[in-house]
Amino acid sequence: MIDSRIDAFMCVHSRDIEYLLEASLRSYQRHFPDKGNLTMVTDNPAALRAFLDAKGLVPGAAVTGDNDWLSASELELPGWFRQQIIKLRAFEFCRTEHFCNLGADTLLLRPIATTDLIDRREPVLYYSSHRLPDLHYRFEKKRLRNVARILGVEPARSFRYVDFINDFFCFKREWLIALNDYMASKYGSTPYVELLKGLSASKDQTRFGEWTLYSVFLLDVMHLSPTMRDARGAYLTQIHSRLGLTLSRLDSKVVHLVQKSFDPNVIRQKLMKVNPGAAQIIGATAWANAGARPR
């Protein structure tokens, strides 16, 4: 019998151990399908474990430290890059054939079906379409070219999609291991240190990207044909600003709150109109009482 469970993991910086994380985990508990094990990786395991215990959240989750999965030289990299390396190394702590990364600032607003994640026994590869070549599209196009250069390929197939950013991203174990082996063959035993040392997490974000690296590897190095789906619309909403929140109906299955200072009561009120169950998840957390806070 094939094990249909899907492991999940979450990278949590110590500054994110707060209300939004609670809402994210409660949405995972309610809406994630065929749960396997949940692994949480953080720079402060003691603080995260205390938070989870105090809230009664995911009691079976494994809480591990960044230093459990990163070398001493990798730990010296900025936190934004460290988390990307951990995601690319998730096959070391996730055990199922497929596993998903859930962002600590990402909410599963509706039940996620297994068919949302897996098709033809392989993970669906999501991308976000852009009606116009807006600022975000140009940003991701630049990242795509840089990542393709790292992999040593022309991104002919990836260029049809460009934007692979998705804070609810599912990997196939076999493919992620193949990427790891490929990177080691090109750059040695510490490929990410060689590529990322000296880069700024604020100024050099187009120079690297874990989801783009994985996607370009599948499409233009291995020439695989995973099921491709446009995440924009009913599946994924990404909210970057208060204006974006005002304009969004929040009626998708997944929402990524890129900015962390949104007023949770505004989100709850919008959800009450389209998804009362998700509004209850937020209402049950301390986040609802905290209000908007600067970050």
Protein backbone atom coordinates (compact mmCIF):
# COMPACT_ATOMS: atom_id res chain seq x y z
CA MET A 1 0.00 0.00 0.00
CA ILE A 2 1.37 3.42 -0.98
CA ASP A 3 1.67 5.85 1.92
CA SER A 4 -0.40 8.88 0.90
CA ARG A 5 0.66 11.04 3.84
CA ILE A 6 2.45 14.30 3.15
CA ASP A 7 5.05 15.65 5.56
CA ALA A 8 5.26 19.40 6.04
CA PHE A 9 7.89 21.75 7.37
CA MET A 10 8.11 25.36 8.40
CA CYS A 11 11.09 27.70 8.77
CA VAL A 12 10.47 30.13 11.64
CA HIS A 13 12.73 33.03 12.53
CA SER A 14 12.58 34.01 16.20
CA ARG A 15 10.99 37.36 15.29
CA ASP A 16 8.05 35.43 13.77
CA ILE A 17 7.19 33.53 16.95
CA GLU A 18 3.96 35.41 17.51
CA TYR A 19 0.31 35.73 16.55
CA LEU A 20 0.48 35.21 12.81
CA LEU A 21 2.41 31.97 13.33
CA GLU A 22 -0.39 30.75 15.62
CA ALA A 23 -2.98 31.47 12.93
CA SER A 24 -0.86 29.74 10.29
CA LEU A 25 -0.48 26.60 12.40
CA ARG A 26 -4.17 26.48 13.30
CA SER A 27 -5.02 26.74 9.60
CA TYR A 28 -2.58 23.88 8.93
CA GLN A 29 -4.22 21.73 11.60
CA ARG A 30 -7.68 22.31 10.13
CA HIS A 31 -7.05 22.39 6.38
CA PHE A 32 -3.93 20.40 5.44
CA PRO A 33 -4.72 16.98 3.89
CA ASP A 34 -3.24 13.57 4.73
CA LYS A 35 -0.96 14.95 7.42
CA GLY A 36 2.37 13.27 7.91
CA ASN A 37 4.95 14.69 10.28
CA LEU A 38 5.48 18.41 10.81
CA THR A 39 9.05 19.67 11.30
CA MET A 40 9.76 23.22 12.41
CA VAL A 41 13.21 24.74 11.98
CA THR A 42 14.17 27.88 13.86
CA ASP A 43 17.08 29.92 15.17
CA ASN A 44 15.56 29.70 18.69
CA PRO A 45 14.14 26.21 19.42
CA ALA A 46 13.53 26.89 23.12
CA ALA A 47 11.39 29.97 22.42
CA LEU A 48 9.42 28.19 19.69
CA ARG A 49 8.75 25.12 21.83
CA ALA A 50 7.58 27.31 24.72
CA PHE A 51 5.24 29.19 22.35
CA LEU A 52 3.76 25.98 20.93
CA ASP A 53 3.25 24.47 24.36
CA ALA A 54 1.62 27.62 25.72
CA LYS A 55 -0.83 27.72 22.79
CA GLY A 56 -1.43 23.96 22.65
CA LEU A 57 -0.32 23.91 19.03
CA VAL A 58 0.85 20.92 16.96
CA PRO A 59 1.94 18.83 19.97
CA GLY A 60 3.56 16.18 17.78
CA ALA A 61 5.70 18.60 15.76
CA ALA A 62 9.47 18.23 15.79
CA VAL A 63 11.24 21.47 16.71
CA THR A 64 14.81 21.68 15.46
CA GLY A 65 17.47 24.36 15.20
CA ASP A 66 19.07 25.92 12.16
CA ASN A 67 22.36 24.42 13.34
CA ASP A 68 20.91 20.90 13.04
CA TRP A 69 20.83 21.26 9.25
CA LEU A 70 23.42 23.92 8.37
CA SER A 71 27.20 23.89 8.47
CA ALA A 72 29.18 26.46 10.44
CA SER A 73 29.93 28.41 7.26
CA GLU A 74 26.26 28.32 6.18
CA LEU A 75 25.20 29.63 9.60
CA GLU A 76 27.25 32.75 8.91
CA LEU A 77 25.03 33.66 5.96
CA PRO A 78 22.10 36.11 6.40
CA GLY A 79 18.95 34.48 7.79
CA TRP A 80 17.03 34.95 4.52
CA PHE A 81 19.56 32.78 2.70
CA ARG A 82 19.83 30.28 5.57
CA GLN A 83 16.12 29.53 5.36
CA GLN A 84 16.38 28.92 1.63
CA ILE A 85 19.17 26.40 2.11
CA ILE A 86 17.13 24.59 4.77
CA LYS A 87 14.22 24.30 2.33
CA LEU A 88 16.53 22.87 -0.32
CA ARG A 89 17.76 20.33 2.25
CA ALA A 90 14.31 19.31 3.48
CA PHE A 91 14.75 15.75 2.23
CA GLU A 92 17.04 15.24 5.24
CA PHE A 93 14.20 15.69 7.75
CA CYS A 94 11.01 14.99 5.77
CA ARG A 95 10.44 11.29 5.16
CA THR A 96 7.46 11.04 2.81
CA GLU A 97 7.77 10.84 -0.97
CA HIS A 98 6.32 14.34 -1.28
CA PHE A 99 6.47 17.11 1.31
CA CYS A 100 5.36 20.72 1.53
CA ASN A 101 6.84 23.91 2.91
CA LEU A 102 4.35 26.21 4.65
CA GLY A 103 5.43 29.78 5.33
CA ALA A 104 5.08 31.09 8.89
CA ASP A 105 3.13 34.03 7.41
CA THR A 106 0.87 31.91 5.20
CA LEU A 107 -2.70 30.85 5.96
CA LEU A 108 -4.62 27.89 4.54
CA LEU A 109 -8.07 29.48 4.40
CA ARG A 110 -9.95 26.50 2.95
CA PRO A 111 -9.42 22.73 2.95
CA ILE A 112 -6.54 21.75 0.71
CA ALA A 113 -7.31 18.64 -1.34
CA THR A 114 -4.57 16.16 -2.07
CA THR A 115 -5.31 16.81 -5.74
CA ASP A 116 -4.36 20.46 -5.18
CA LEU A 117 -0.86 19.26 -4.36
CA ILE A 118 -0.34 15.98 -6.23
CA ASP A 119 -1.23 15.00 -9.79
CA ARG A 120 -0.10 11.83 -11.57
CA ARG A 121 1.76 10.89 -8.37
CA GLU A 122 3.96 13.97 -8.63
CA PRO A 123 3.76 17.41 -7.00
CA VAL A 124 1.98 20.10 -8.99
CA LEU A 125 4.34 22.94 -9.92
CA TYR A 126 2.56 26.26 -9.38
CA TYR A 127 3.44 29.59 -10.96
CA SER A 128 1.76 33.00 -10.79
CA SER A 129 0.71 34.67 -14.03
CA HIS A 130 0.98 38.44 -14.53
CA ARG A 131 -1.37 40.36 -16.81
CA LEU A 132 1.25 43.04 -17.37
CA PRO A 133 5.05 43.07 -16.94
CA ASP A 134 4.69 44.82 -13.58
CA LEU A 135 7.45 45.52 -11.08
CA HIS A 136 7.11 42.11 -9.42
CA TYR A 137 7.20 40.31 -12.77
CA ARG A 138 10.37 42.15 -13.79
CA PHE A 139 11.90 41.31 -10.40
CA GLU A 140 11.16 37.60 -10.86
CA LYS A 141 12.33 37.66 -14.47
CA LYS A 142 15.70 38.95 -13.29
CA ARG A 143 15.84 36.27 -10.61
CA LEU A 144 15.00 33.60 -13.19
CA ARG A 145 17.89 34.62 -15.41
CA ASN A 146 20.32 34.63 -12.47
CA VAL A 147 19.17 31.22 -11.27
CA ALA A 148 19.42 29.77 -14.78
CA ARG A 149 22.98 31.09 -14.92
CA ILE A 150 23.76 29.30 -11.64
CA LEU A 151 22.40 26.07 -13.11
CA GLY A 152 24.22 26.62 -16.40
CA VAL A 153 21.15 26.40 -18.63
CA GLU A 154 19.02 28.54 -20.90
CA PRO A 155 15.62 28.82 -19.17
CA ALA A 156 13.61 28.17 -22.33
CA ARG A 157 10.72 26.34 -20.65
CA SER A 158 10.85 28.19 -17.32
CA PHE A 159 10.59 31.50 -19.17
CA ARG A 160 6.97 30.68 -20.03
CA TYR A 161 6.10 30.91 -16.32
CA VAL A 162 8.74 33.16 -14.66
CA ASP A 163 7.18 33.58 -11.19
CA PHE A 164 7.43 30.46 -9.03
CA ILE A 165 7.11 32.23 -5.67
CA ASN A 166 4.76 30.25 -3.48
CA ASP A 167 4.89 30.05 0.32
CA PHE A 168 2.99 26.78 0.21
CA PHE A 169 5.38 24.86 -2.03
CA CYS A 170 5.51 21.09 -2.41
CA PHE A 171 8.61 19.12 -3.33
CA LYS A 172 9.28 15.62 -4.58
CA ARG A 173 12.00 13.93 -2.52
CA GLU A 174 13.70 12.31 -5.51
CA TRP A 175 13.87 15.58 -7.45
CA LEU A 176 15.18 17.62 -4.53
CA ILE A 177 17.94 15.08 -3.90
CA ALA A 178 18.83 15.22 -7.61
CA LEU A 179 19.09 19.02 -7.38
CA ASN A 180 21.35 18.75 -4.34
CA ASP A 181 23.62 16.30 -6.19
CA TYR A 182 23.68 18.52 -9.27
CA MET A 183 24.68 21.59 -7.27
CA ALA A 184 27.45 19.66 -5.51
CA SER A 185 28.77 18.42 -8.85
CA LYS A 186 28.99 22.01 -10.14
CA TYR A 187 30.15 23.89 -7.04
CA GLY A 188 31.63 21.36 -4.64
CA SER A 189 30.54 20.18 -1.20
CA THR A 190 29.42 23.65 -0.04
CA PRO A 191 27.67 25.04 -3.13
CA TYR A 192 25.47 27.58 -1.38
CA VAL A 193 28.32 29.10 0.60
CA GLU A 194 30.24 29.52 -2.64
CA LEU A 195 27.25 31.18 -4.31
CA LEU A 196 25.87 33.30 -1.46
CA LYS A 197 28.79 34.49 0.65
CA GLY A 198 29.12 38.25 0.49
CA LEU A 199 25.56 38.77 -0.78
CA SER A 200 23.07 41.03 0.97
CA ALA A 201 19.66 39.64 1.94
CA SER A 202 18.11 43.05 1.24
CA LYS A 203 19.95 44.10 -1.93
CA ASP A 204 20.64 40.79 -3.69
CA GLN A 205 17.31 38.98 -3.58
CA THR A 206 17.22 38.51 -7.35
CA ARG A 207 20.56 36.68 -7.21
CA PHE A 208 19.04 33.50 -5.75
CA GLY A 209 15.73 31.82 -4.92
CA GLU A 210 15.03 28.31 -3.69
CA TRP A 211 11.69 27.79 -5.44
CA THR A 212 12.98 29.24 -8.71
CA LEU A 213 16.12 27.10 -8.49
CA TYR A 214 14.07 23.94 -7.99
CA SER A 215 11.60 24.84 -10.76
CA VAL A 216 14.22 25.73 -13.37
CA PHE A 217 16.09 22.54 -12.48
CA LEU A 218 12.99 20.44 -13.16
CA LEU A 219 12.00 22.19 -16.38
CA ASP A 220 15.30 23.06 -18.04
CA VAL A 221 17.92 20.73 -16.55
CA MET A 222 15.98 17.49 -16.06
CA HIS A 223 13.42 18.34 -18.79
CA LEU A 224 10.59 16.95 -16.68
CA SER A 225 6.92 17.65 -17.33
CA PRO A 226 5.16 18.13 -14.00
CA THR A 227 1.59 19.36 -13.98
CA MET A 228 1.75 23.15 -14.23
CA ARG A 229 -1.00 25.27 -12.68
CA ASP A 230 -1.53 28.99 -12.38
CA ALA A 231 -1.78 29.76 -8.66
CA ARG A 232 -3.22 33.23 -9.09
CA GLY A 233 -6.89 33.59 -8.27
CA ALA A 234 -8.79 30.80 -6.57
CA TYR A 235 -5.73 29.03 -5.18
CA LEU A 236 -3.24 31.64 -3.96
CA THR A 237 -3.40 35.31 -2.99
CA GLN A 238 -0.25 37.21 -2.06
CA ILE A 239 -0.84 40.42 -0.10
CA HIS A 240 2.10 42.86 -0.22
CA SER A 241 0.50 46.06 1.08
CA ARG A 242 -2.51 47.57 2.83
CA LEU A 243 -3.84 48.58 -0.59
CA GLY A 244 -3.49 44.97 -1.71
CA LEU A 245 -5.44 43.85 1.35
CA THR A 246 -8.17 46.45 0.67
CA LEU A 247 -8.55 45.26 -2.94
CA SER A 248 -8.46 41.52 -2.18
CA ARG A 249 -11.59 39.51 -1.37
CA LEU A 250 -9.47 36.86 0.41
CA ASP A 251 -11.52 34.14 -1.26
CA SER A 252 -8.58 31.94 -2.29
CA LYS A 253 -7.51 28.70 -0.60
CA VAL A 254 -4.12 30.08 0.43
CA VAL A 255 -3.05 33.59 1.38
CA HIS A 256 0.51 34.77 1.92
CA LEU A 257 0.71 37.90 4.07
CA VAL A 258 4.01 39.32 2.85
CA GLN A 259 3.73 42.33 5.15
CA LYS A 260 3.45 41.34 8.81
CA SER A 261 1.73 44.46 10.19
CA PHE A 262 -1.78 43.98 8.79
CA ASP A 263 -4.66 44.52 11.18
CA PRO A 264 -6.07 41.03 11.87
CA ASN A 265 -9.54 42.44 12.46
CA VAL A 266 -9.63 43.84 8.93
CA ILE A 267 -8.72 40.39 7.66
CA ARG A 268 -11.33 38.74 9.87
CA GLN A 269 -14.06 41.13 8.74
CA LYS A 270 -13.27 40.49 5.07
CA LEU A 271 -13.23 36.73 5.66
CA MET A 272 -16.62 36.82 7.42
CA LYS A 273 -18.15 37.79 4.07
CA VAL A 274 -16.67 34.91 2.05
CA ASN A 275 -15.27 32.33 4.47
CA PRO A 276 -16.62 32.42 8.04
CA GLY A 277 -14.70 29.28 9.00
CA ALA A 278 -11.36 30.94 8.25
CA ALA A 279 -12.50 34.06 10.11
CA GLN A 280 -13.05 31.86 13.17
CA ILE A 281 -9.47 30.59 12.97
CA ILE A 282 -8.17 34.14 13.25
CA GLY A 283 -10.74 35.06 15.89
CA ALA A 284 -9.55 32.17 18.07
CA THR A 285 -5.98 33.48 18.24
CA ALA A 286 -4.36 36.18 20.34
CA TRP A 287 -3.59 37.95 17.04
CA ALA A 288 -7.19 39.18 16.89
CA ASN A 289 -6.69 41.08 20.15
CA ALA A 290 -3.31 42.51 19.21
CA GLY A 291 -4.42 44.71 16.32
CA ALA A 292 -2.08 46.13 13.71
CA ARG A 293 1.51 46.56 14.84
CA PRO A 294 4.54 48.06 13.14
CA ARG A 295 7.27 45.64 12.07
